[in-house]
PDB file of N, CA and C in Angstrom:
ATOM      1  N   MET A   1      34.347  29.894  17.135  1.00  0.00           N
ATOM      2  CA  MET A   1      34.293  28.887  16.365  1.00  0.00           C
ATOM      3  C   MET A   1      35.397  28.917  15.733  1.00  0.00           C
ATOM      4  N   ILE A   2      36.264  29.791  15.177  1.00  0.00           N
ATOM      5  CA  ILE A   2      37.125  29.923  14.502  1.00  0.00           C
ATOM      6  C   ILE A   2      38.513  29.393  15.383  1.00  0.00           C
ATOM      7  N   TYR A   3      38.437  29.946  16.451  1.00  0.00           N
ATOM      8  CA  TYR A   3      39.178  29.421  17.481  1.00  0.00           C
ATOM      9  C   TYR A   3      39.311  27.709  17.529  1.00  0.00           C
ATOM     10  N   ALA A   4      38.348  27.254  17.662  1.00  0.00           N
ATOM     11  CA  ALA A   4      38.547  25.947  18.044  1.00  0.00           C
ATOM     12  C   ALA A   4      38.870  25.033  16.702  1.00  0.00           C
ATOM     13  N   MET A   5      38.427  25.492  15.574  1.00  0.00           N
ATOM     14  CA  MET A   5      38.748  25.036  14.315  1.00  0.00           C
ATOM     15  C   MET A   5      40.288  24.695  14.410  1.00  0.00           C
ATOM     16  N   TRP A   6      40.811  26.272  14.514  1.00  0.00           N
ATOM     17  CA  TRP A   6      42.314  25.776  14.537  1.00  0.00           C
ATOM     18  C   TRP A   6      42.850  24.977  15.771  1.00  0.00           C
ATOM     19  N   VAL A   7      42.424  24.884  16.912  1.00  0.00           N
ATOM     20  CA  VAL A   7      42.650  24.155  17.562  1.00  0.00           C
ATOM     21  C   VAL A   7      42.815  22.339  17.572  1.00  0.00           C
ATOM     22  N   GLY A   8      41.420  22.249  16.274  1.00  0.00           N
ATOM     23  CA  GLY A   8      41.135  20.931  16.044  1.00  0.00           C
ATOM     24  C   GLY A   8      42.307  20.444  14.806  1.00  0.00           C
ATOM     25  N   LEU A   9      42.498  21.940  13.866  1.00  0.00           N
ATOM     26  CA  LEU A   9      43.245  21.341  13.037  1.00  0.00           C
ATOM     27  C   LEU A   9      44.866  21.193  13.365  1.00  0.00           C
ATOM     28  N   GLY A  10      45.361  21.916  14.507  1.00  0.00           N
ATOM     29  CA  GLY A  10      46.547  21.902  15.126  1.00  0.00           C
ATOM     30  C   GLY A  10      47.054  20.457  15.800  1.00  0.00           C
ATOM     31  N   ALA A  11      45.632  19.924  16.332  1.00  0.00           N
ATOM     32  CA  ALA A  11      45.867  18.797  16.934  1.00  0.00           C
ATOM     33  C   ALA A  11      45.898  17.701  16.082  1.00  0.00           C
ATOM     34  N   PHE A  12      45.177  18.045  15.078  1.00  0.00           N
ATOM     35  CA  PHE A  12      44.886  16.903  13.890  1.00  0.00           C
ATOM     36  C   PHE A  12      46.856  16.923  12.943  1.00  0.00           C
ATOM     37  N   PHE A  13      47.442  17.807  13.031  1.00  0.00           N
ATOM     38  CA  PHE A  13      48.589  17.770  12.706  1.00  0.00           C
ATOM     39  C   PHE A  13      49.631  17.099  13.403  1.00  0.00           C
ATOM     40  N   LEU A  14      49.486  17.741  14.650  1.00  0.00           N
ATOM     41  CA  LEU A  14      50.323  16.513  15.651  1.00  0.00           C
ATOM     42  C   LEU A  14      49.948  15.139  15.955  1.00  0.00           C
ATOM     43  N   LEU A  15      48.865  14.577  15.856  1.00  0.00           N
ATOM     44  CA  LEU A  15      48.615  13.123  15.604  1.00  0.00           C
ATOM     45  C   LEU A  15      49.427  12.617  14.262  1.00  0.00           C
ATOM     46  N   GLU A  16      49.030  13.186  13.233  1.00  0.00           N
ATOM     47  CA  GLU A  16      49.329  13.024  12.056  1.00  0.00           C
ATOM     48  C   GLU A  16      50.650  12.773  12.106  1.00  0.00           C
ATOM     49  N   LYS A  17      51.595  13.929  12.638  1.00  0.00           N
ATOM     50  CA  LYS A  17      53.368  13.688  12.774  1.00  0.00           C
ATOM     51  C   LYS A  17      53.718  12.454  13.857  1.00  0.00           C
ATOM     52  N   LEU A  18      52.877  12.198  14.943  1.00  0.00           N
ATOM     53  CA  LEU A  18      53.701  12.015  15.928  1.00  0.00           C
ATOM     54  C   LEU A  18      52.989  10.175  15.610  1.00  0.00           C
ATOM     55  N   LYS A  19      51.832   9.402  14.946  1.00  0.00           N
ATOM     56  CA  LYS A  19      51.457   8.691  15.060  1.00  0.00           C
ATOM     57  C   LYS A  19      51.983   7.424  14.918  1.00  0.00           C
ATOM     58  N   ASN A  20      53.151   7.409  13.783  1.00  0.00           N
ATOM     59  CA  ASN A  20      53.920   6.409  14.420  1.00  0.00           C
ATOM     60  C   ASN A  20      54.865   6.126  15.712  1.00  0.00           C
ATOM     61  N   ASN A  21      54.641   7.183  16.723  1.00  0.00           N
ATOM     62  CA  ASN A  21      55.357   6.977  18.057  1.00  0.00           C
ATOM     63  C   ASN A  21      54.316   7.105  18.603  1.00  0.00           C
ATOM     64  N   ILE A  22      54.020   5.832  19.277  1.00  0.00           N
ATOM     65  CA  ILE A  22      52.756   5.784  20.034  1.00  0.00           C
ATOM     66  C   ILE A  22      52.881   6.189  21.911  1.00  0.00           C
ATOM     67  N   ALA A  23      54.494   6.221  22.197  1.00  0.00           N
ATOM     68  CA  ALA A  23      54.678   6.314  22.816  1.00  0.00           C
ATOM     69  C   ALA A  23      54.733   7.913  23.518  1.00  0.00           C
ATOM     70  N   ALA A  24      54.933   8.327  22.629  1.00  0.00           N
ATOM     71  CA  ALA A  24      55.046  10.076  22.609  1.00  0.00           C
ATOM     72  C   ALA A  24      53.862  10.803  22.246  1.00  0.00           C
ATOM     73  N   VAL A  25      52.747   9.944  21.894  1.00  0.00           N
ATOM     74  CA  VAL A  25      51.811  10.397  22.076  1.00  0.00           C
ATOM     75  C   VAL A  25      50.926  10.209  23.153  1.00  0.00           C
ATOM     76  N   GLY A  26      51.319   9.047  23.486  1.00  0.00           N
ATOM     77  CA  GLY A  26      50.375   8.650  25.300  1.00  0.00           C
ATOM     78  C   GLY A  26      50.777   9.415  26.316  1.00  0.00           C
ATOM     79  N   GLY A  27      52.614   9.592  26.098  1.00  0.00           N
ATOM     80  CA  GLY A  27      53.116  10.773  27.357  1.00  0.00           C
ATOM     81  C   GLY A  27      52.605  12.386  27.172  1.00  0.00           C
ATOM     82  N   GLY A  28      51.897  12.530  26.112  1.00  0.00           N
ATOM     83  CA  GLY A  28      51.398  13.594  25.773  1.00  0.00           C
ATOM     84  C   GLY A  28      50.273  14.123  26.171  1.00  0.00           C
ATOM     85  N   LEU A  29      49.328  12.941  25.911  1.00  0.00           N
ATOM     86  CA  LEU A  29      48.425  13.008  26.460  1.00  0.00           C
ATOM     87  C   LEU A  29      48.037  12.772  27.610  1.00  0.00           C
ATOM     88  N   VAL A  30      49.027  12.207  28.352  1.00  0.00           N
ATOM     89  CA  VAL A  30      49.319  12.371  29.846  1.00  0.00           C
ATOM     90  C   VAL A  30      49.630  13.620  30.720  1.00  0.00           C
ATOM     91  N   ALA A  31      50.420  14.176  30.251  1.00  0.00           N
ATOM     92  CA  ALA A  31      51.030  15.328  30.319  1.00  0.00           C
ATOM     93  C   ALA A  31      49.976  16.611  30.035  1.00  0.00           C
ATOM     94  N   VAL A  32      49.155  16.684  29.279  1.00  0.00           N
ATOM     95  CA  VAL A  32      48.311  17.817  29.101  1.00  0.00           C
ATOM     96  C   VAL A  32      47.041  17.169  30.113  1.00  0.00           C
ATOM     97  N   LEU A  33      46.360  15.871  29.969  1.00  0.00           N
ATOM     98  CA  LEU A  33      45.510  15.460  31.335  1.00  0.00           C
ATOM     99  C   LEU A  33      45.868  15.939  32.081  1.00  0.00           C
ATOM    100  N   ALA A  34      47.119  16.260  32.755  1.00  0.00           N
ATOM    101  CA  ALA A  34      47.283  15.895  34.268  1.00  0.00           C
ATOM    102  C   ALA A  34      47.423  17.619  34.235  1.00  0.00           C
ATOM    103  N   LEU A  35      47.969  18.290  33.378  1.00  0.00           N
ATOM    104  CA  LEU A  35      48.562  19.634  33.377  1.00  0.00           C
ATOM    105  C   LEU A  35      46.908  20.834  33.735  1.00  0.00           C
ATOM    106  N   ILE A  36      45.953  20.169  32.692  1.00  0.00           N
ATOM    107  CA  ILE A  36      44.805  20.902  32.774  1.00  0.00           C
ATOM    108  C   ILE A  36      44.030  21.224  34.131  1.00  0.00           C
ATOM    109  N   PRO A  37      43.913  19.989  34.947  1.00  0.00           N
ATOM    110  CA  PRO A  37      43.307  20.223  36.260  1.00  0.00           C
ATOM    111  C   PRO A  37      44.303  21.024  36.652  1.00  0.00           C
ATOM    112  N   VAL A  38      45.716  21.242  36.902  1.00  0.00           N
ATOM    113  CA  VAL A  38      46.618  21.704  37.695  1.00  0.00           C
ATOM    114  C   VAL A  38      46.629  23.627  37.753  1.00  0.00           C
ATOM    115  N   ASN A  39      46.763  23.471  36.091  1.00  0.00           N
ATOM    116  CA  ASN A  39      46.161  24.778  35.377  1.00  0.00           C
ATOM    117  C   ASN A  39      44.805  25.571  36.276  1.00  0.00           C
ATOM    118  N   MET A  40      43.890  24.995  35.797  1.00  0.00           N
ATOM    119  CA  MET A  40      42.783  25.307  36.352  1.00  0.00           C
ATOM    120  C   MET A  40      42.591  25.824  37.821  1.00  0.00           C
ATOM    121  N   ALA A  41      42.939  24.664  38.570  1.00  0.00           N
ATOM    122  CA  ALA A  41      43.083  25.329  40.284  1.00  0.00           C
ATOM    123  C   ALA A  41      44.506  26.383  40.489  1.00  0.00           C
ATOM    124  N   SER A  42      45.245  26.764  39.653  1.00  0.00           N
ATOM    125  CA  SER A  42      46.240  27.464  40.060  1.00  0.00           C
ATOM    126  C   SER A  42      45.762  28.865  39.925  1.00  0.00           C
ATOM    127  N   GLN A  43      44.653  29.243  38.566  1.00  0.00           N
ATOM    128  CA  GLN A  43      44.501  30.231  38.155  1.00  0.00           C
ATOM    129  C   GLN A  43      43.160  30.501  38.807  1.00  0.00           C
ATOM    130  N   ASN A  44      42.594  29.568  39.318  1.00  0.00           N
ATOM    131  CA  ASN A  44      41.138  30.003  39.871  1.00  0.00           C
ATOM    132  C   ASN A  44      41.221  29.782  41.782  1.00  0.00           C
ATOM    133  N   TRP A  45      42.285  29.545  42.323  1.00  0.00           N
ATOM    134  CA  TRP A  45      41.974  29.196  43.725  1.00  0.00           C
ATOM    135  C   TRP A  45      41.814  30.523  44.558  1.00  0.00           C
ATOM    136  N   PHE A  46      42.506  31.264  44.207  1.00  0.00           N
ATOM    137  CA  PHE A  46      42.200  33.145  45.252  1.00  0.00           C
ATOM    138  C   PHE A  46      40.662  33.437  45.338  1.00  0.00           C
ATOM    139  N   THR A  47      40.216  33.362  44.009  1.00  0.00           N
ATOM    140  CA  THR A  47      38.680  33.751  43.446  1.00  0.00           C
ATOM    141  C   THR A  47      37.786  32.823  44.067  1.00  0.00           C
ATOM    142  N   HIS A  48      38.026  31.361  44.015  1.00  0.00           N
ATOM    143  CA  HIS A  48      37.019  30.616  44.576  1.00  0.00           C
ATOM    144  C   HIS A  48      37.140  29.772  45.869  1.00  0.00           C
ATOM    145  N   SER A  49      38.290  30.317  46.603  1.00  0.00           N
ATOM    146  CA  SER A  49      38.818  29.812  47.834  1.00  0.00           C
ATOM    147  C   SER A  49      37.769  30.431  48.728  1.00  0.00           C
ATOM    148  N   ARG A  50      37.086  30.201  49.730  1.00  0.00           N
ATOM    149  CA  ARG A  50      36.131  30.731  50.875  1.00  0.00           C
ATOM    150  C   ARG A  50      36.943  30.684  52.014  1.00  0.00           C
ATOM    151  N   ALA A  51      38.378  30.173  52.432  1.00  0.00           N
ATOM    152  CA  ALA A  51      38.827  30.293  53.704  1.00  0.00           C
ATOM    153  C   ALA A  51      38.903  31.706  53.838  1.00  0.00           C
ATOM    154  N   GLY A  52      38.302  32.062  55.608  1.00  0.00           N
ATOM    155  CA  GLY A  52      38.131  33.517  55.846  1.00  0.00           C
ATOM    156  C   GLY A  52      37.101  33.926  55.826  1.00  0.00           C
ATOM    157  N   ASN A  53      36.477  33.690  54.861  1.00  0.00           N
ATOM    158  CA  ASN A  53      34.891  34.202  54.147  1.00  0.00           C
ATOM    159  C   ASN A  53      33.853  33.809  55.970  1.00  0.00           C
ATOM    160  N   THR A  54      33.805  34.281  56.657  1.00  0.00           N
ATOM    161  CA  THR A  54      32.494  33.641  57.662  1.00  0.00           C
ATOM    162  C   THR A  54      31.123  35.071  57.541  1.00  0.00           C
ATOM    163  N   LEU A  55      31.166  35.084  56.624  1.00  0.00           N
ATOM    164  CA  LEU A  55      29.370  35.633  56.505  1.00  0.00           C
ATOM    165  C   LEU A  55      28.390  34.926  56.531  1.00  0.00           C
ATOM    166  N   ALA A  56      28.664  33.824  56.361  1.00  0.00           N
ATOM    167  CA  ALA A  56      27.310  32.777  56.326  1.00  0.00           C
ATOM    168  C   ALA A  56      27.062  32.719  57.826  1.00  0.00           C
ATOM    169  N   PHE A  57      28.171  32.447  58.323  1.00  0.00           N
ATOM    170  CA  PHE A  57      28.372  32.158  59.899  1.00  0.00           C
ATOM    171  C   PHE A  57      27.617  33.009  60.955  1.00  0.00           C
ATOM    172  N   ASP A  58      28.312  34.591  60.476  1.00  0.00           N
ATOM    173  CA  ASP A  58      28.124  35.291  61.033  1.00  0.00           C
ATOM    174  C   ASP A  58      26.573  35.852  60.984  1.00  0.00           C
ATOM    175  N   TYR A  59      25.582  35.465  60.177  1.00  0.00           N
ATOM    176  CA  TYR A  59      24.355  35.754  59.826  1.00  0.00           C
ATOM    177  C   TYR A  59      23.759  34.472  60.380  1.00  0.00           C
ATOM    178  N   ALA A  60      23.755  33.451  60.648  1.00  0.00           N
ATOM    179  CA  ALA A  60      23.176  33.073  61.401  1.00  0.00           C
ATOM    180  C   ALA A  60      23.507  33.229  62.605  1.00  0.00           C
ATOM    181  N   TYR A  61      24.501  33.405  63.109  1.00  0.00           N
ATOM    182  CA  TYR A  61      24.899  33.632  64.494  1.00  0.00           C
ATOM    183  C   TYR A  61      23.920  34.806  65.027  1.00  0.00           C
ATOM    184  N   ASN A  62      23.586  35.683  64.135  1.00  0.00           N
ATOM    185  CA  ASN A  62      23.055  36.849  64.591  1.00  0.00           C
ATOM    186  C   ASN A  62      21.493  36.316  64.579  1.00  0.00           C
ATOM    187  N   ILE A  63      21.478  35.533  63.764  1.00  0.00           N
ATOM    188  CA  ILE A  63      19.600  34.932  63.923  1.00  0.00           C
ATOM    189  C   ILE A  63      19.400  34.087  65.244  1.00  0.00           C
ATOM    190  N   LEU A  64      20.234  33.572  65.579  1.00  0.00           N
ATOM    191  CA  LEU A  64      20.367  32.959  66.687  1.00  0.00           C
ATOM    192  C   LEU A  64      20.021  33.852  68.084  1.00  0.00           C
ATOM    193  N   GLN A  65      21.302  34.530  67.742  1.00  0.00           N
ATOM    194  CA  GLN A  65      21.286  35.453  68.866  1.00  0.00           C
ATOM    195  C   GLN A  65      20.154  36.498  69.162  1.00  0.00           C
ATOM    196  N   SER A  66      19.383  36.812  68.099  1.00  0.00           N
ATOM    197  CA  SER A  66      18.276  37.914  68.214  1.00  0.00           C
ATOM    198  C   SER A  66      16.892  37.271  68.510  1.00  0.00           C
ATOM    199  N   VAL A  67      16.938  35.970  68.895  1.00  0.00           N
ATOM    200  CA  VAL A  67      15.949  35.477  69.663  1.00  0.00           C
ATOM    201  C   VAL A  67      15.369  35.087  71.016  1.00  0.00           C
ATOM    202  N   GLU A  68      15.046  34.962  71.947  1.00  0.00           N
ATOM    203  CA  GLU A  68      14.500  34.779  73.613  1.00  0.00           C
ATOM    204  C   GLU A  68      15.178  33.017  73.704  1.00  0.00           C
ATOM    205  N   LYS A  69      15.148  32.857  74.452  1.00  0.00           N
ATOM    206  CA  LYS A  69      15.714  31.323  74.976  1.00  0.00           C
ATOM    207  C   LYS A  69      14.475  30.308  74.819  1.00  0.00           C
ATOM    208  N   ASP A  70      15.049  29.536  74.223  1.00  0.00           N
ATOM    209  CA  ASP A  70      13.894  28.100  73.875  1.00  0.00           C
ATOM    210  C   ASP A  70      12.953  28.600  72.903  1.00  0.00           C
ATOM    211  N   ALA A  71      13.462  29.678  71.911  1.00  0.00           N
ATOM    212  CA  ALA A  71      12.672  30.070  70.664  1.00  0.00           C
ATOM    213  C   ALA A  71      12.494  28.864  69.541  1.00  0.00           C
ATOM    214  N   ILE A  72      11.396  29.223  68.717  1.00  0.00           N
ATOM    215  CA  ILE A  72      11.314  28.385  67.656  1.00  0.00           C
ATOM    216  C   ILE A  72      11.627  29.686  66.296  1.00  0.00           C
ATOM    217  N   ILE A  73      12.487  28.815  65.366  1.00  0.00           N
ATOM    218  CA  ILE A  73      12.752  30.031  64.368  1.00  0.00           C
ATOM    219  C   ILE A  73      12.158  28.889  63.167  1.00  0.00           C
ATOM    220  N   PHE A  74      11.316  29.299  62.345  1.00  0.00           N
ATOM    221  CA  PHE A  74      10.969  28.784  61.241  1.00  0.00           C
ATOM    222  C   PHE A  74      11.648  29.645  59.943  1.00  0.00           C
ATOM    223  N   THR A  75      12.368  29.000  59.076  1.00  0.00           N
ATOM    224  CA  THR A  75      13.289  29.422  58.159  1.00  0.00           C
ATOM    225  C   THR A  75      12.932  29.017  56.767  1.00  0.00           C
ATOM    226  N   ASN A  76      13.269  29.742  55.799  1.00  0.00           N
ATOM    227  CA  ASN A  76      12.948  29.739  54.221  1.00  0.00           C
ATOM    228  C   ASN A  76      13.610  28.691  53.366  1.00  0.00           C
ATOM    229  N   GLY A  77      13.961  27.688  53.117  1.00  0.00           N
ATOM    230  CA  GLY A  77      14.844  27.525  52.530  1.00  0.00           C
ATOM    231  C   GLY A  77      16.285  26.680  52.726  1.00  0.00           C
ATOM    232  N   ASP A  78      17.273  26.352  52.121  1.00  0.00           N
ATOM    233  CA  ASP A  78      18.696  25.872  52.994  1.00  0.00           C
ATOM    234  C   ASP A  78      19.346  27.194  53.178  1.00  0.00           C
ATOM    235  N   ASN A  79      19.136  27.846  52.957  1.00  0.00           N
ATOM    236  CA  ASN A  79      20.388  29.271  52.791  1.00  0.00           C
ATOM    237  C   ASN A  79      20.092  29.322  54.513  1.00  0.00           C
ATOM    238  N   ASP A  80      18.870  29.346  55.167  1.00  0.00           N
ATOM    239  CA  ASP A  80      18.721  30.007  56.198  1.00  0.00           C
ATOM    240  C   ASP A  80      18.892  28.322  57.685  1.00  0.00           C
ATOM    241  N   THR A  81      18.219  27.737  56.960  1.00  0.00           N
ATOM    242  CA  THR A  81      18.080  26.166  57.490  1.00  0.00           C
ATOM    243  C   THR A  81      19.491  25.394  57.950  1.00  0.00           C
ATOM    244  N   PHE A  82      20.176  25.137  57.018  1.00  0.00           N
ATOM    245  CA  PHE A  82      21.219  24.696  56.981  1.00  0.00           C
ATOM    246  C   PHE A  82      22.469  25.426  58.011  1.00  0.00           C
ATOM    247  N   LEU A  83      22.523  26.868  57.863  1.00  0.00           N
ATOM    248  CA  LEU A  83      23.527  27.635  58.488  1.00  0.00           C
ATOM    249  C   LEU A  83      22.741  27.632  59.913  1.00  0.00           C
ATOM    250  N   CYS A  84      21.642  27.674  60.257  1.00  0.00           N
ATOM    251  CA  CYS A  84      21.332  28.086  61.624  1.00  0.00           C
ATOM    252  C   CYS A  84      21.698  26.791  62.184  1.00  0.00           C
ATOM    253  N   GLY A  85      21.348  25.395  61.552  1.00  0.00           N
ATOM    254  CA  GLY A  85      21.050  24.282  62.298  1.00  0.00           C
ATOM    255  C   GLY A  85      23.178  23.631  62.613  1.00  0.00           C
ATOM    256  N   THR A  86      23.919  24.239  61.516  1.00  0.00           N
ATOM    257  CA  THR A  86      25.123  24.454  61.976  1.00  0.00           C
ATOM    258  C   THR A  86      25.662  25.274  62.822  1.00  0.00           C
ATOM    259  N   CYS A  87      24.726  26.525  63.091  1.00  0.00           N
ATOM    260  CA  CYS A  87      25.619  27.384  64.193  1.00  0.00           C
ATOM    261  C   CYS A  87      24.608  26.761  65.214  1.00  0.00           C
ATOM    262  N   LYS A  88      23.990  26.147  65.211  1.00  0.00           N
ATOM    263  CA  LYS A  88      23.182  25.611  66.717  1.00  0.00           C
ATOM    264  C   LYS A  88      23.998  24.759  67.461  1.00  0.00           C
ATOM    265  N   THR A  89      24.813  24.207  67.022  1.00  0.00           N
ATOM    266  CA  THR A  89      26.038  23.305  67.349  1.00  0.00           C
ATOM    267  C   THR A  89      26.451  23.868  68.352  1.00  0.00           C
ATOM    268  N   LEU A  90      26.814  25.201  68.298  1.00  0.00           N
ATOM    269  CA  LEU A  90      27.808  26.026  69.491  1.00  0.00           C
ATOM    270  C   LEU A  90      27.422  25.745  70.767  1.00  0.00           C
ATOM    271  N   PRO A  91      27.558  26.030  71.821  1.00  0.00           N
ATOM    272  CA  PRO A  91      27.036  26.331  73.145  1.00  0.00           C
ATOM    273  C   PRO A  91      26.276  27.536  73.445  1.00  0.00           C
ATOM    274  N   VAL A  92      26.879  28.500  72.772  1.00  0.00           N
ATOM    275  CA  VAL A  92      26.232  29.535  72.792  1.00  0.00           C
ATOM    276  C   VAL A  92      24.610  29.593  71.901  1.00  0.00           C
ATOM    277  N   CYS A  93      24.803  29.122  70.999  1.00  0.00           N
ATOM    278  CA  CYS A  93      23.433  29.161  70.553  1.00  0.00           C
ATOM    279  C   CYS A  93      22.399  27.767  70.534  1.00  0.00           C
ATOM    280  N   ALA A  94      22.717  26.710  71.328  1.00  0.00           N
ATOM    281  CA  ALA A  94      22.073  25.738  71.322  1.00  0.00           C
ATOM    282  C   ALA A  94      20.756  25.832  72.216  1.00  0.00           C
ATOM    283  N   GLU A  95      19.922  26.851  72.783  1.00  0.00           N
ATOM    284  CA  GLU A  95      18.714  26.944  73.449  1.00  0.00           C
ATOM    285  C   GLU A  95      17.925  26.886  71.877  1.00  0.00           C
ATOM    286  N   THR A  96      17.912  26.745  70.813  1.00  0.00           N
ATOM    287  CA  THR A  96      16.961  27.439  70.258  1.00  0.00           C
ATOM    288  C   THR A  96      16.268  26.154  69.090  1.00  0.00           C
ATOM    289  N   SER A  97      15.128  26.125  68.734  1.00  0.00           N
ATOM    290  CA  SER A  97      14.934  25.119  67.854  1.00  0.00           C
ATOM    291  C   SER A  97      14.683  25.799  66.383  1.00  0.00           C
ATOM    292  N   VAL A  98      15.230  25.240  65.086  1.00  0.00           N
ATOM    293  CA  VAL A  98      15.307  25.349  64.008  1.00  0.00           C
ATOM    294  C   VAL A  98      14.468  24.482  63.244  1.00  0.00           C
ATOM    295  N   TRP A  99      13.237  25.294  62.381  1.00  0.00           N
ATOM    296  CA  TRP A  99      12.605  24.486  61.841  1.00  0.00           C
ATOM    297  C   TRP A  99      12.507  24.816  60.365  1.00  0.00           C
TER     298      TRP A  99
END
């Protein structure tokens, strides 16, 4: 809470100093609004990227490979249904029905 108050006071001070120079305020606002998403993306890219994460695909593939041909799988919820439905598009897993 105290940090937010200091940020607010600092922003108020900057706006008071620059209120006669509208171009500087607009340019600063555009720079800040452009840099915030770039900073968030650069800080969180590696922790939120799912590149190379094949756990969900492997789970669905193993479920579809564990049943016999022309089998019917009853799934519970989106986590199983969507994965098995997408994995069913592969030629190896196309013989089963997902419900």
